[in-house]
Amino acid sequence: MQFSPGDAIRFGWDTFKKRPWFFIGATVIVAVANIAVGILSGTVDSATGGSFDEPTLLGNLVSYLLGVLISMGMTAFFLSAHDNPHGVDFATLWHPNPYWKFFATSVLASVAVGIGLLLLIVPGLIAMVLFMFSTFLVIDRGLGPIDALKASMELTKGNRWPLFGFILLCMLIIFVGVLALGVGLLVAVPIVGLAFAYAYRLLSGAPAQIQQPDARLES
């Protein structure tokens, strides 16, 4: 299956236009959630002798653990929005299952990219492409960390250069959103999220398997 970065972004834009205020609203909810996490982690830092400029280990841990929940919700939301743009609702942003699989997968992928960037940058960029769909596979198929990383590598075969260009294009869109006084992110974020979901669905060639939101934290 051949992947086109332009087709992915076009899909993101076309889908966004179907329910623009809904997608903007979802982005606002995510932004508010991130602000709340920042306030909470800052409170933890203050209580444990740290500060905004010098966060504590505990504060960083709280921020990361809660950030995982936000990332899970966004991944589930954009997959659902791709599959059924008129049926998806805000409740999909709460998708905490399977938390520990997602947590471990995101940590392993981040470590691989981080180490690669330290090794003359290029290996990190390669890892970024190889593992770009790993967390999608956790949410969509319930895979464990190692299986998700392996499956992501398989999905990217034959399209790694186009996917690298796609990542750069998404970064450019987000950057333009930031330049537009930050307000542009209300449009840029959903477009990029929908485009990523499109890329994943196209290359996986699999029907939607995402489960309904579940309030239970299960591994």
N, C-alpha and C. Protein backbone atom coordinates (compact mmCIF):
# COMPACT_ATOMS: atom_id res chain seq x y z
N MET A 1 0.85 -1.20 0.00
CA MET A 1 0.00 0.00 0.00
C MET A 1 0.88 1.24 0.00
N GLN A 2 0.73 2.08 -1.03
CA GLN A 2 1.56 3.28 -1.14
C GLN A 2 0.93 4.43 -0.37
N PHE A 3 1.74 5.12 0.39
CA PHE A 3 1.25 6.22 1.24
C PHE A 3 1.67 7.56 0.66
N SER A 4 0.74 8.51 0.69
CA SER A 4 1.01 9.86 0.21
C SER A 4 0.78 10.87 1.34
N PRO A 5 1.82 11.62 1.75
CA PRO A 5 1.64 12.63 2.79
C PRO A 5 0.56 13.64 2.44
N GLY A 6 0.50 14.03 1.17
CA GLY A 6 -0.49 15.01 0.76
C GLY A 6 -1.91 14.49 0.92
N ASP A 7 -2.12 13.21 0.59
CA ASP A 7 -3.46 12.62 0.75
C ASP A 7 -3.86 12.59 2.22
N ALA A 8 -2.91 12.31 3.10
CA ALA A 8 -3.20 12.24 4.54
C ALA A 8 -3.62 13.61 5.07
N ILE A 9 -2.86 14.64 4.71
CA ILE A 9 -3.20 15.99 5.17
C ILE A 9 -4.52 16.44 4.57
N ARG A 10 -4.74 16.09 3.32
CA ARG A 10 -6.00 16.45 2.67
C ARG A 10 -7.18 15.79 3.37
N PHE A 11 -7.00 14.53 3.76
CA PHE A 11 -8.06 13.85 4.51
C PHE A 11 -8.31 14.56 5.84
N GLY A 12 -7.23 14.93 6.52
CA GLY A 12 -7.39 15.62 7.79
C GLY A 12 -8.16 16.91 7.65
N TRP A 13 -7.84 17.68 6.61
CA TRP A 13 -8.52 18.96 6.38
C TRP A 13 -9.99 18.75 5.99
N ASP A 14 -10.24 17.80 5.08
CA ASP A 14 -11.61 17.54 4.63
C ASP A 14 -12.49 17.04 5.78
N THR A 15 -11.92 16.19 6.64
CA THR A 15 -12.69 15.68 7.78
C THR A 15 -12.93 16.77 8.81
N PHE A 16 -11.93 17.60 9.03
CA PHE A 16 -12.08 18.73 9.95
C PHE A 16 -13.23 19.63 9.51
N LYS A 17 -13.35 19.88 8.22
CA LYS A 17 -14.37 20.78 7.70
C LYS A 17 -15.78 20.23 7.90
N LYS A 18 -15.90 18.92 8.11
CA LYS A 18 -17.23 18.34 8.31
C LYS A 18 -17.84 18.77 9.66
N ARG A 19 -16.98 18.93 10.67
CA ARG A 19 -17.45 19.34 12.01
C ARG A 19 -16.41 20.25 12.66
N PRO A 20 -16.13 21.39 12.07
CA PRO A 20 -15.02 22.23 12.56
C PRO A 20 -15.14 22.64 14.02
N TRP A 21 -16.34 23.07 14.44
CA TRP A 21 -16.47 23.53 15.83
C TRP A 21 -16.36 22.38 16.81
N PHE A 22 -16.78 21.20 16.39
CA PHE A 22 -16.64 20.03 17.26
C PHE A 22 -15.17 19.71 17.48
N PHE A 23 -14.40 19.69 16.39
CA PHE A 23 -12.98 19.36 16.52
C PHE A 23 -12.22 20.46 17.27
N ILE A 24 -12.61 21.69 17.07
CA ILE A 24 -12.00 22.79 17.85
C ILE A 24 -12.33 22.61 19.32
N GLY A 25 -13.57 22.24 19.62
CA GLY A 25 -13.96 22.00 21.01
C GLY A 25 -13.16 20.89 21.65
N ALA A 26 -12.93 19.81 20.89
CA ALA A 26 -12.14 18.69 21.42
C ALA A 26 -10.71 19.14 21.71
N THR A 27 -10.17 19.98 20.84
CA THR A 27 -8.80 20.49 21.04
C THR A 27 -8.74 21.38 22.28
N VAL A 28 -9.78 22.17 22.50
CA VAL A 28 -9.84 23.02 23.70
C VAL A 28 -9.87 22.15 24.96
N ILE A 29 -10.65 21.07 24.92
CA ILE A 29 -10.73 20.16 26.07
C ILE A 29 -9.36 19.58 26.39
N VAL A 30 -8.64 19.16 25.35
CA VAL A 30 -7.30 18.61 25.54
C VAL A 30 -6.36 19.68 26.11
N ALA A 31 -6.47 20.90 25.60
CA ALA A 31 -5.62 22.00 26.10
C ALA A 31 -5.89 22.28 27.57
N VAL A 32 -7.17 22.30 27.95
CA VAL A 32 -7.53 22.54 29.35
C VAL A 32 -7.00 21.40 30.23
N ALA A 33 -7.09 20.17 29.72
CA ALA A 33 -6.58 19.02 30.47
C ALA A 33 -5.07 19.15 30.69
N ASN A 34 -4.36 19.59 29.66
CA ASN A 34 -2.91 19.76 29.79
C ASN A 34 -2.57 20.88 30.77
N ILE A 35 -3.35 21.94 30.76
CA ILE A 35 -3.14 23.03 31.71
C ILE A 35 -3.36 22.53 33.14
N ALA A 36 -4.42 21.73 33.31
CA ALA A 36 -4.72 21.18 34.64
C ALA A 36 -3.59 20.28 35.13
N VAL A 37 -3.04 19.49 34.22
CA VAL A 37 -1.91 18.62 34.58
C VAL A 37 -0.71 19.47 34.98
N GLY A 38 -0.47 20.55 34.23
CA GLY A 38 0.63 21.44 34.56
C GLY A 38 0.47 22.08 35.93
N ILE A 39 -0.75 22.48 36.25
CA ILE A 39 -1.01 23.09 37.57
C ILE A 39 -0.80 22.06 38.67
N LEU A 40 -1.30 20.85 38.46
CA LEU A 40 -1.16 19.80 39.47
C LEU A 40 0.29 19.42 39.69
N SER A 41 1.04 19.24 38.60
CA SER A 41 2.45 18.88 38.74
C SER A 41 3.23 20.02 39.38
N GLY A 42 2.82 21.28 39.08
CA GLY A 42 3.47 22.43 39.70
C GLY A 42 3.21 22.47 41.19
N THR A 43 2.00 22.08 41.57
CA THR A 43 1.66 22.03 42.99
C THR A 43 2.50 20.97 43.70
N VAL A 44 2.68 19.83 43.03
CA VAL A 44 3.52 18.77 43.59
C VAL A 44 4.95 19.26 43.73
N ASP A 45 5.44 19.97 42.71
CA ASP A 45 6.80 20.52 42.77
C ASP A 45 6.96 21.46 43.97
N SER A 46 5.99 22.35 44.15
CA SER A 46 6.07 23.31 45.26
C SER A 46 6.06 22.60 46.61
N ALA A 47 5.25 21.54 46.70
CA ALA A 47 5.13 20.82 47.97
C ALA A 47 6.37 19.97 48.28
N THR A 48 7.16 19.69 47.25
CA THR A 48 8.33 18.82 47.46
C THR A 48 9.65 19.59 47.27
N GLY A 49 9.58 20.92 47.35
CA GLY A 49 10.81 21.72 47.32
C GLY A 49 11.27 22.13 45.94
N GLY A 50 10.47 21.92 44.93
CA GLY A 50 10.86 22.30 43.58
C GLY A 50 10.19 23.60 43.16
N SER A 51 10.27 23.90 41.86
CA SER A 51 9.67 25.11 41.32
C SER A 51 9.39 24.88 39.85
N PHE A 52 8.80 25.89 39.20
CA PHE A 52 8.52 25.79 37.76
C PHE A 52 9.81 25.62 36.97
N ASP A 53 10.86 26.35 37.37
CA ASP A 53 12.14 26.29 36.67
C ASP A 53 12.93 25.04 37.03
N GLU A 54 12.71 24.54 38.25
CA GLU A 54 13.43 23.35 38.70
C GLU A 54 12.43 22.32 39.24
N PRO A 55 11.73 21.64 38.32
CA PRO A 55 10.73 20.65 38.74
C PRO A 55 11.39 19.46 39.43
N THR A 56 10.65 18.85 40.32
CA THR A 56 11.16 17.68 41.04
C THR A 56 10.87 16.41 40.25
N LEU A 57 11.52 15.34 40.65
CA LEU A 57 11.30 14.03 40.01
C LEU A 57 9.84 13.62 40.16
N LEU A 58 9.28 13.85 41.35
CA LEU A 58 7.89 13.47 41.60
C LEU A 58 6.94 14.30 40.73
N GLY A 59 7.23 15.58 40.62
CA GLY A 59 6.39 16.43 39.78
C GLY A 59 6.42 16.00 38.33
N ASN A 60 7.61 15.67 37.83
CA ASN A 60 7.74 15.19 36.45
C ASN A 60 7.00 13.87 36.26
N LEU A 61 7.07 13.01 37.27
CA LEU A 61 6.40 11.71 37.18
C LEU A 61 4.88 11.89 37.10
N VAL A 62 4.35 12.77 37.95
CA VAL A 62 2.91 13.05 37.94
C VAL A 62 2.50 13.60 36.57
N SER A 63 3.29 14.51 36.04
CA SER A 63 3.00 15.11 34.75
C SER A 63 3.00 14.05 33.65
N TYR A 64 3.97 13.15 33.68
CA TYR A 64 4.07 12.13 32.63
C TYR A 64 2.93 11.12 32.73
N LEU A 65 2.65 10.67 33.94
CA LEU A 65 1.59 9.67 34.12
C LEU A 65 0.24 10.20 33.66
N LEU A 66 -0.06 11.45 33.99
CA LEU A 66 -1.33 12.03 33.57
C LEU A 66 -1.31 12.38 32.08
N GLY A 67 -0.13 12.74 31.58
CA GLY A 67 0.01 13.02 30.16
C GLY A 67 -0.28 11.80 29.30
N VAL A 68 0.05 10.63 29.82
CA VAL A 68 -0.25 9.38 29.12
C VAL A 68 -1.76 9.23 28.93
N LEU A 69 -2.52 9.55 29.96
CA LEU A 69 -3.99 9.47 29.86
C LEU A 69 -4.51 10.40 28.75
N ILE A 70 -3.95 11.59 28.68
CA ILE A 70 -4.36 12.53 27.64
C ILE A 70 -4.01 11.99 26.26
N SER A 71 -2.81 11.44 26.12
CA SER A 71 -2.38 10.88 24.84
C SER A 71 -3.26 9.71 24.42
N MET A 72 -3.64 8.88 25.38
CA MET A 72 -4.51 7.75 25.08
C MET A 72 -5.86 8.25 24.55
N GLY A 73 -6.39 9.25 25.22
CA GLY A 73 -7.67 9.80 24.79
C GLY A 73 -7.61 10.40 23.40
N MET A 74 -6.53 11.12 23.10
CA MET A 74 -6.38 11.72 21.78
C MET A 74 -6.25 10.66 20.70
N THR A 75 -5.50 9.60 20.98
CA THR A 75 -5.33 8.54 20.00
C THR A 75 -6.66 7.86 19.71
N ALA A 76 -7.40 7.52 20.76
CA ALA A 76 -8.71 6.89 20.59
C ALA A 76 -9.67 7.83 19.86
N PHE A 77 -9.63 9.10 20.20
CA PHE A 77 -10.52 10.08 19.60
C PHE A 77 -10.29 10.20 18.10
N PHE A 78 -9.04 10.34 17.69
CA PHE A 78 -8.77 10.54 16.26
C PHE A 78 -9.01 9.27 15.44
N LEU A 79 -8.79 8.11 16.03
CA LEU A 79 -9.15 6.88 15.33
C LEU A 79 -10.65 6.80 15.13
N SER A 80 -11.41 7.11 16.17
CA SER A 80 -12.87 7.09 16.07
C SER A 80 -13.36 8.15 15.09
N ALA A 81 -12.73 9.32 15.11
CA ALA A 81 -13.13 10.40 14.21
C ALA A 81 -12.84 10.03 12.77
N HIS A 82 -11.75 9.32 12.55
CA HIS A 82 -11.44 8.84 11.19
C HIS A 82 -12.52 7.87 10.72
N ASP A 83 -12.89 6.94 11.59
CA ASP A 83 -13.82 5.88 11.21
C ASP A 83 -15.26 6.38 11.09
N ASN A 84 -15.63 7.33 11.94
CA ASN A 84 -17.01 7.81 11.97
C ASN A 84 -17.03 9.28 12.39
N PRO A 85 -16.67 10.19 11.49
CA PRO A 85 -16.54 11.61 11.86
C PRO A 85 -17.83 12.24 12.38
N HIS A 86 -18.97 11.74 11.94
CA HIS A 86 -20.23 12.32 12.39
C HIS A 86 -20.75 11.65 13.65
N GLY A 87 -20.19 10.50 14.02
CA GLY A 87 -20.68 9.79 15.19
C GLY A 87 -19.81 9.92 16.43
N VAL A 88 -18.56 10.32 16.25
CA VAL A 88 -17.65 10.44 17.38
C VAL A 88 -18.11 11.57 18.30
N ASP A 89 -17.89 11.41 19.61
CA ASP A 89 -18.26 12.46 20.55
C ASP A 89 -17.12 12.72 21.53
N PHE A 90 -17.31 13.71 22.39
CA PHE A 90 -16.26 14.11 23.32
C PHE A 90 -15.91 13.00 24.32
N ALA A 91 -16.85 12.10 24.60
CA ALA A 91 -16.60 11.03 25.56
C ALA A 91 -15.44 10.14 25.15
N THR A 92 -15.16 10.08 23.85
CA THR A 92 -14.07 9.24 23.36
C THR A 92 -12.71 9.72 23.84
N LEU A 93 -12.64 10.98 24.26
CA LEU A 93 -11.38 11.51 24.78
C LEU A 93 -11.00 10.87 26.12
N TRP A 94 -11.95 10.21 26.76
CA TRP A 94 -11.64 9.47 27.98
C TRP A 94 -11.53 8.00 27.62
N HIS A 95 -10.29 7.53 27.47
CA HIS A 95 -10.06 6.15 27.06
C HIS A 95 -8.82 5.62 27.80
N PRO A 96 -8.96 5.30 29.08
CA PRO A 96 -7.80 4.93 29.91
C PRO A 96 -7.37 3.47 29.83
N ASN A 97 -7.94 2.70 28.96
CA ASN A 97 -7.63 1.27 28.89
C ASN A 97 -7.06 0.92 27.50
N PRO A 98 -5.92 0.20 27.42
CA PRO A 98 -5.12 -0.38 28.51
C PRO A 98 -3.95 0.54 28.89
N TYR A 99 -4.04 1.12 30.06
CA TYR A 99 -3.11 2.17 30.47
C TYR A 99 -1.65 1.71 30.48
N TRP A 100 -1.37 0.61 31.17
CA TRP A 100 0.03 0.24 31.36
C TRP A 100 0.70 -0.23 30.08
N LYS A 101 -0.07 -0.82 29.18
CA LYS A 101 0.49 -1.19 27.88
C LYS A 101 0.88 0.07 27.11
N PHE A 102 -0.01 1.04 27.12
CA PHE A 102 0.25 2.31 26.43
C PHE A 102 1.44 3.02 27.06
N PHE A 103 1.46 3.05 28.39
CA PHE A 103 2.55 3.70 29.11
C PHE A 103 3.90 3.08 28.73
N ALA A 104 4.00 1.75 28.80
CA ALA A 104 5.25 1.07 28.51
C ALA A 104 5.66 1.27 27.05
N THR A 105 4.69 1.23 26.16
CA THR A 105 5.00 1.42 24.74
C THR A 105 5.52 2.81 24.46
N SER A 106 4.88 3.82 25.04
CA SER A 106 5.33 5.19 24.83
C SER A 106 6.71 5.42 25.42
N VAL A 107 7.00 4.80 26.57
CA VAL A 107 8.31 4.95 27.19
C VAL A 107 9.38 4.31 26.31
N LEU A 108 9.14 3.09 25.86
CA LEU A 108 10.12 2.39 25.03
C LEU A 108 10.37 3.14 23.72
N ALA A 109 9.31 3.61 23.09
CA ALA A 109 9.47 4.34 21.84
C ALA A 109 10.23 5.64 22.07
N SER A 110 9.90 6.35 23.15
CA SER A 110 10.58 7.61 23.46
C SER A 110 12.05 7.40 23.76
N VAL A 111 12.36 6.34 24.50
CA VAL A 111 13.75 6.03 24.82
C VAL A 111 14.52 5.70 23.55
N ALA A 112 13.91 4.92 22.65
CA ALA A 112 14.57 4.56 21.40
C ALA A 112 14.87 5.80 20.56
N VAL A 113 13.90 6.69 20.46
CA VAL A 113 14.09 7.92 19.70
C VAL A 113 15.13 8.81 20.37
N GLY A 114 15.05 8.92 21.70
CA GLY A 114 15.99 9.76 22.44
C GLY A 114 17.43 9.29 22.29
N ILE A 115 17.64 7.99 22.45
CA ILE A 115 18.99 7.44 22.29
C ILE A 115 19.48 7.64 20.87
N GLY A 116 18.56 7.43 19.91
CA GLY A 116 18.93 7.60 18.51
C GLY A 116 19.33 9.03 18.19
N LEU A 117 18.64 10.00 18.77
CA LEU A 117 18.98 11.41 18.53
C LEU A 117 20.34 11.76 19.10
N LEU A 118 20.69 11.11 20.19
CA LEU A 118 22.02 11.33 20.78
C LEU A 118 23.12 10.73 19.91
N LEU A 119 22.76 9.71 19.14
CA LEU A 119 23.73 9.04 18.26
C LEU A 119 23.70 9.67 16.87
N LEU A 120 24.11 10.92 16.79
CA LEU A 120 24.23 11.64 15.53
C LEU A 120 22.89 11.93 14.86
N ILE A 121 21.81 11.93 15.61
CA ILE A 121 20.48 12.39 15.18
C ILE A 121 19.78 11.41 14.22
N VAL A 122 20.47 10.97 13.18
CA VAL A 122 19.83 10.14 12.15
C VAL A 122 19.16 8.89 12.72
N PRO A 123 19.84 8.12 13.60
CA PRO A 123 19.16 6.94 14.17
C PRO A 123 17.87 7.30 14.91
N GLY A 124 17.84 8.47 15.53
CA GLY A 124 16.63 8.90 16.23
C GLY A 124 15.50 9.19 15.26
N LEU A 125 15.83 9.78 14.12
CA LEU A 125 14.80 10.05 13.11
C LEU A 125 14.26 8.74 12.53
N ILE A 126 15.15 7.77 12.37
CA ILE A 126 14.73 6.45 11.87
C ILE A 126 13.78 5.79 12.87
N ALA A 127 14.15 5.85 14.16
CA ALA A 127 13.31 5.27 15.20
C ALA A 127 11.96 5.97 15.26
N MET A 128 11.95 7.27 15.04
CA MET A 128 10.70 8.04 15.07
C MET A 128 9.73 7.53 14.02
N VAL A 129 10.25 7.21 12.84
CA VAL A 129 9.41 6.67 11.77
C VAL A 129 8.99 5.24 12.07
N LEU A 130 9.94 4.41 12.50
CA LEU A 130 9.67 3.00 12.74
C LEU A 130 8.56 2.78 13.77
N PHE A 131 8.56 3.61 14.82
CA PHE A 131 7.65 3.37 15.94
C PHE A 131 6.48 4.36 15.99
N MET A 132 6.24 5.08 14.91
CA MET A 132 5.25 6.14 14.93
C MET A 132 3.82 5.64 15.14
N PHE A 133 3.55 4.38 14.83
CA PHE A 133 2.20 3.84 14.99
C PHE A 133 2.07 2.91 16.19
N SER A 134 3.10 2.82 17.02
CA SER A 134 3.09 1.83 18.11
C SER A 134 1.96 2.09 19.10
N THR A 135 1.73 3.34 19.48
CA THR A 135 0.66 3.61 20.45
C THR A 135 -0.72 3.46 19.82
N PHE A 136 -0.84 3.70 18.52
CA PHE A 136 -2.10 3.45 17.83
C PHE A 136 -2.45 1.96 17.91
N LEU A 137 -1.45 1.12 17.78
CA LEU A 137 -1.67 -0.32 17.82
C LEU A 137 -2.09 -0.80 19.21
N VAL A 138 -1.62 -0.12 20.24
CA VAL A 138 -2.05 -0.46 21.60
C VAL A 138 -3.53 -0.14 21.77
N ILE A 139 -3.94 1.03 21.35
CA ILE A 139 -5.34 1.44 21.49
C ILE A 139 -6.25 0.64 20.58
N ASP A 140 -5.83 0.45 19.35
CA ASP A 140 -6.70 -0.17 18.34
C ASP A 140 -6.78 -1.69 18.46
N ARG A 141 -5.63 -2.32 18.79
CA ARG A 141 -5.61 -3.78 18.81
C ARG A 141 -5.29 -4.36 20.19
N GLY A 142 -4.96 -3.50 21.15
CA GLY A 142 -4.65 -3.98 22.48
C GLY A 142 -3.33 -4.71 22.57
N LEU A 143 -2.39 -4.43 21.66
CA LEU A 143 -1.10 -5.10 21.68
C LEU A 143 -0.26 -4.67 22.86
N GLY A 144 0.64 -5.57 23.29
CA GLY A 144 1.60 -5.24 24.32
C GLY A 144 2.73 -4.40 23.74
N PRO A 145 3.60 -3.87 24.59
CA PRO A 145 4.65 -2.95 24.12
C PRO A 145 5.54 -3.51 23.02
N ILE A 146 6.11 -4.68 23.23
CA ILE A 146 7.03 -5.25 22.23
C ILE A 146 6.31 -5.56 20.93
N ASP A 147 5.14 -6.17 21.03
CA ASP A 147 4.37 -6.49 19.83
C ASP A 147 3.96 -5.23 19.08
N ALA A 148 3.63 -4.18 19.82
CA ALA A 148 3.23 -2.92 19.19
C ALA A 148 4.40 -2.29 18.44
N LEU A 149 5.58 -2.33 19.03
CA LEU A 149 6.76 -1.78 18.36
C LEU A 149 7.10 -2.58 17.11
N LYS A 150 7.02 -3.90 17.21
CA LYS A 150 7.30 -4.75 16.05
C LYS A 150 6.27 -4.53 14.94
N ALA A 151 5.01 -4.45 15.33
CA ALA A 151 3.95 -4.26 14.34
C ALA A 151 4.08 -2.91 13.65
N SER A 152 4.48 -1.88 14.40
CA SER A 152 4.68 -0.56 13.81
C SER A 152 5.79 -0.60 12.77
N MET A 153 6.85 -1.32 13.07
CA MET A 153 7.94 -1.45 12.11
C MET A 153 7.46 -2.12 10.83
N GLU A 154 6.59 -3.12 10.97
CA GLU A 154 6.04 -3.80 9.80
C GLU A 154 5.18 -2.86 8.97
N LEU A 155 4.36 -2.06 9.64
CA LEU A 155 3.45 -1.16 8.93
C LEU A 155 4.20 -0.12 8.11
N THR A 156 5.36 0.28 8.57
CA THR A 156 6.09 1.35 7.89
C THR A 156 6.94 0.85 6.72
N LYS A 157 7.07 -0.46 6.57
CA LYS A 157 7.90 -1.01 5.49
C LYS A 157 7.40 -0.54 4.12
N GLY A 158 8.33 -0.11 3.30
CA GLY A 158 8.00 0.31 1.95
C GLY A 158 7.51 1.75 1.85
N ASN A 159 7.31 2.41 2.99
CA ASN A 159 6.81 3.79 2.97
C ASN A 159 7.57 4.69 3.92
N ARG A 160 8.77 4.30 4.30
CA ARG A 160 9.46 5.04 5.35
C ARG A 160 9.88 6.44 4.92
N TRP A 161 10.30 6.62 3.71
CA TRP A 161 10.64 7.96 3.26
C TRP A 161 9.40 8.86 3.16
N PRO A 162 8.30 8.37 2.56
CA PRO A 162 7.08 9.20 2.58
C PRO A 162 6.59 9.50 3.99
N LEU A 163 6.73 8.55 4.91
CA LEU A 163 6.30 8.77 6.30
C LEU A 163 7.19 9.79 6.99
N PHE A 164 8.48 9.76 6.67
CA PHE A 164 9.37 10.78 7.22
C PHE A 164 8.97 12.16 6.73
N GLY A 165 8.67 12.25 5.43
CA GLY A 165 8.20 13.52 4.88
C GLY A 165 6.89 13.95 5.51
N PHE A 166 6.03 12.98 5.82
CA PHE A 166 4.75 13.25 6.47
C PHE A 166 4.96 13.84 7.86
N ILE A 167 5.88 13.27 8.62
CA ILE A 167 6.17 13.78 9.96
C ILE A 167 6.67 15.23 9.87
N LEU A 168 7.57 15.49 8.92
CA LEU A 168 8.07 16.86 8.76
C LEU A 168 6.95 17.81 8.37
N LEU A 169 6.05 17.36 7.51
CA LEU A 169 4.93 18.19 7.09
C LEU A 169 4.00 18.50 8.27
N CYS A 170 3.77 17.49 9.10
CA CYS A 170 2.93 17.69 10.30
C CYS A 170 3.58 18.68 11.26
N MET A 171 4.89 18.57 11.42
CA MET A 171 5.61 19.51 12.29
C MET A 171 5.48 20.93 11.75
N LEU A 172 5.54 21.07 10.43
CA LEU A 172 5.42 22.39 9.81
C LEU A 172 4.02 22.96 10.06
N ILE A 173 3.00 22.13 9.95
CA ILE A 173 1.62 22.59 10.18
C ILE A 173 1.45 23.05 11.63
N ILE A 174 1.98 22.26 12.57
CA ILE A 174 1.90 22.64 13.98
C ILE A 174 2.66 23.94 14.22
N PHE A 175 3.83 24.09 13.59
CA PHE A 175 4.64 25.30 13.74
C PHE A 175 3.88 26.52 13.24
N VAL A 176 3.22 26.38 12.10
CA VAL A 176 2.43 27.48 11.56
C VAL A 176 1.28 27.81 12.52
N GLY A 177 0.69 26.77 13.12
CA GLY A 177 -0.36 26.99 14.10
C GLY A 177 0.12 27.78 15.30
N VAL A 178 1.35 27.51 15.73
CA VAL A 178 1.94 28.25 16.84
C VAL A 178 2.19 29.70 16.45
N LEU A 179 2.67 29.90 15.24
CA LEU A 179 2.95 31.27 14.78
C LEU A 179 1.68 32.11 14.72
N ALA A 180 0.56 31.48 14.45
CA ALA A 180 -0.72 32.20 14.37
C ALA A 180 -1.25 32.48 15.77
N LEU A 181 -0.37 33.04 16.60
CA LEU A 181 -0.71 33.41 17.98
C LEU A 181 -1.21 32.23 18.81
N GLY A 182 -0.88 31.02 18.38
CA GLY A 182 -1.30 29.84 19.12
C GLY A 182 -2.72 29.40 18.79
N VAL A 183 -3.54 30.36 18.32
CA VAL A 183 -4.94 30.05 17.99
C VAL A 183 -5.00 29.06 16.83
N GLY A 184 -4.02 29.14 15.95
CA GLY A 184 -3.98 28.24 14.81
C GLY A 184 -3.88 26.79 15.19
N LEU A 185 -3.43 26.53 16.43
CA LEU A 185 -3.34 25.14 16.90
C LEU A 185 -4.72 24.49 17.02
N LEU A 186 -5.75 25.30 17.20
CA LEU A 186 -7.10 24.77 17.30
C LEU A 186 -7.53 24.10 15.99
N VAL A 187 -6.90 24.50 14.91
CA VAL A 187 -7.15 23.88 13.61
C VAL A 187 -6.04 22.89 13.26
N ALA A 188 -4.80 23.27 13.54
CA ALA A 188 -3.66 22.43 13.17
C ALA A 188 -3.66 21.08 13.88
N VAL A 189 -3.95 21.08 15.18
CA VAL A 189 -3.90 19.83 15.95
C VAL A 189 -4.88 18.79 15.44
N PRO A 190 -6.18 19.13 15.24
CA PRO A 190 -7.08 18.11 14.71
C PRO A 190 -6.74 17.65 13.30
N ILE A 191 -6.26 18.56 12.46
CA ILE A 191 -5.89 18.16 11.11
C ILE A 191 -4.76 17.13 11.16
N VAL A 192 -3.75 17.40 11.97
CA VAL A 192 -2.62 16.48 12.08
C VAL A 192 -3.06 15.16 12.72
N GLY A 193 -3.89 15.23 13.76
CA GLY A 193 -4.37 14.02 14.41
C GLY A 193 -5.16 13.14 13.46
N LEU A 194 -6.04 13.74 12.69
CA LEU A 194 -6.83 12.99 11.71
C LEU A 194 -5.95 12.43 10.60
N ALA A 195 -4.94 13.18 10.21
CA ALA A 195 -4.02 12.71 9.17
C ALA A 195 -3.23 11.50 9.65
N PHE A 196 -2.80 11.52 10.92
CA PHE A 196 -2.09 10.37 11.48
C PHE A 196 -2.99 9.15 11.53
N ALA A 197 -4.26 9.35 11.91
CA ALA A 197 -5.20 8.24 11.94
C ALA A 197 -5.41 7.67 10.54
N TYR A 198 -5.47 8.55 9.55
CA TYR A 198 -5.60 8.12 8.15
C TYR A 198 -4.40 7.27 7.74
N ALA A 199 -3.20 7.75 8.08
CA ALA A 199 -1.99 7.01 7.72
C ALA A 199 -1.99 5.62 8.36
N TYR A 200 -2.37 5.57 9.62
CA TYR A 200 -2.41 4.28 10.33
C TYR A 200 -3.43 3.34 9.70
N ARG A 201 -4.64 3.82 9.47
CA ARG A 201 -5.68 2.97 8.90
C ARG A 201 -5.29 2.49 7.50
N LEU A 202 -4.72 3.38 6.70
CA LEU A 202 -4.34 3.01 5.33
C LEU A 202 -3.30 1.91 5.33
N LEU A 203 -2.26 2.06 6.15
CA LEU A 203 -1.15 1.11 6.13
C LEU A 203 -1.46 -0.18 6.89
N SER A 204 -2.35 -0.10 7.87
CA SER A 204 -2.70 -1.32 8.61
C SER A 204 -3.68 -2.16 7.82
N GLY A 205 -4.46 -1.51 6.97
CA GLY A 205 -5.42 -2.23 6.16
C GLY A 205 -6.43 -3.00 6.97
N ALA A 206 -6.64 -2.57 8.24
CA ALA A 206 -7.53 -3.30 9.14
C ALA A 206 -8.77 -2.49 9.44
N PRO A 207 -9.91 -3.14 9.65
CA PRO A 207 -11.13 -2.42 10.04
C PRO A 207 -11.00 -1.89 11.45
N ALA A 208 -11.84 -0.97 11.79
CA ALA A 208 -11.82 -0.39 13.13
C ALA A 208 -12.05 -1.45 14.19
N GLN A 209 -11.19 -1.45 15.20
CA GLN A 209 -11.33 -2.40 16.30
C GLN A 209 -11.36 -1.69 17.64
N ILE A 210 -11.35 -0.38 17.62
CA ILE A 210 -11.25 0.39 18.86
C ILE A 210 -12.46 0.14 19.74
N GLN A 211 -12.22 -0.04 21.02
CA GLN A 211 -13.29 -0.30 21.96
C GLN A 211 -13.91 1.01 22.44
N GLN A 212 -15.10 0.91 23.01
CA GLN A 212 -15.74 2.09 23.58
C GLN A 212 -14.99 2.54 24.82
N PRO A 213 -15.09 3.83 25.19
CA PRO A 213 -14.40 4.32 26.38
C PRO A 213 -14.71 3.47 27.60
N ASP A 214 -13.67 3.19 28.37
CA ASP A 214 -13.80 2.33 29.53
C ASP A 214 -13.10 3.01 30.70
N ALA A 215 -13.81 3.22 31.78
CA ALA A 215 -13.25 3.96 32.91
C ALA A 215 -12.32 3.11 33.76
N ARG A 216 -12.21 1.83 33.47
CA ARG A 216 -11.37 0.99 34.30
C ARG A 216 -9.91 1.07 33.83
N LEU A 217 -9.00 1.11 34.77
CA LEU A 217 -7.58 1.07 34.46
C LEU A 217 -7.15 -0.39 34.48
N GLU A 218 -6.90 -0.92 33.27
CA GLU A 218 -6.50 -2.33 33.18
C GLU A 218 -5.17 -2.40 32.44
N SER A 219 -4.43 -3.43 32.75
CA SER A 219 -3.17 -3.61 32.06
C SER A 219 -3.34 -4.61 30.93
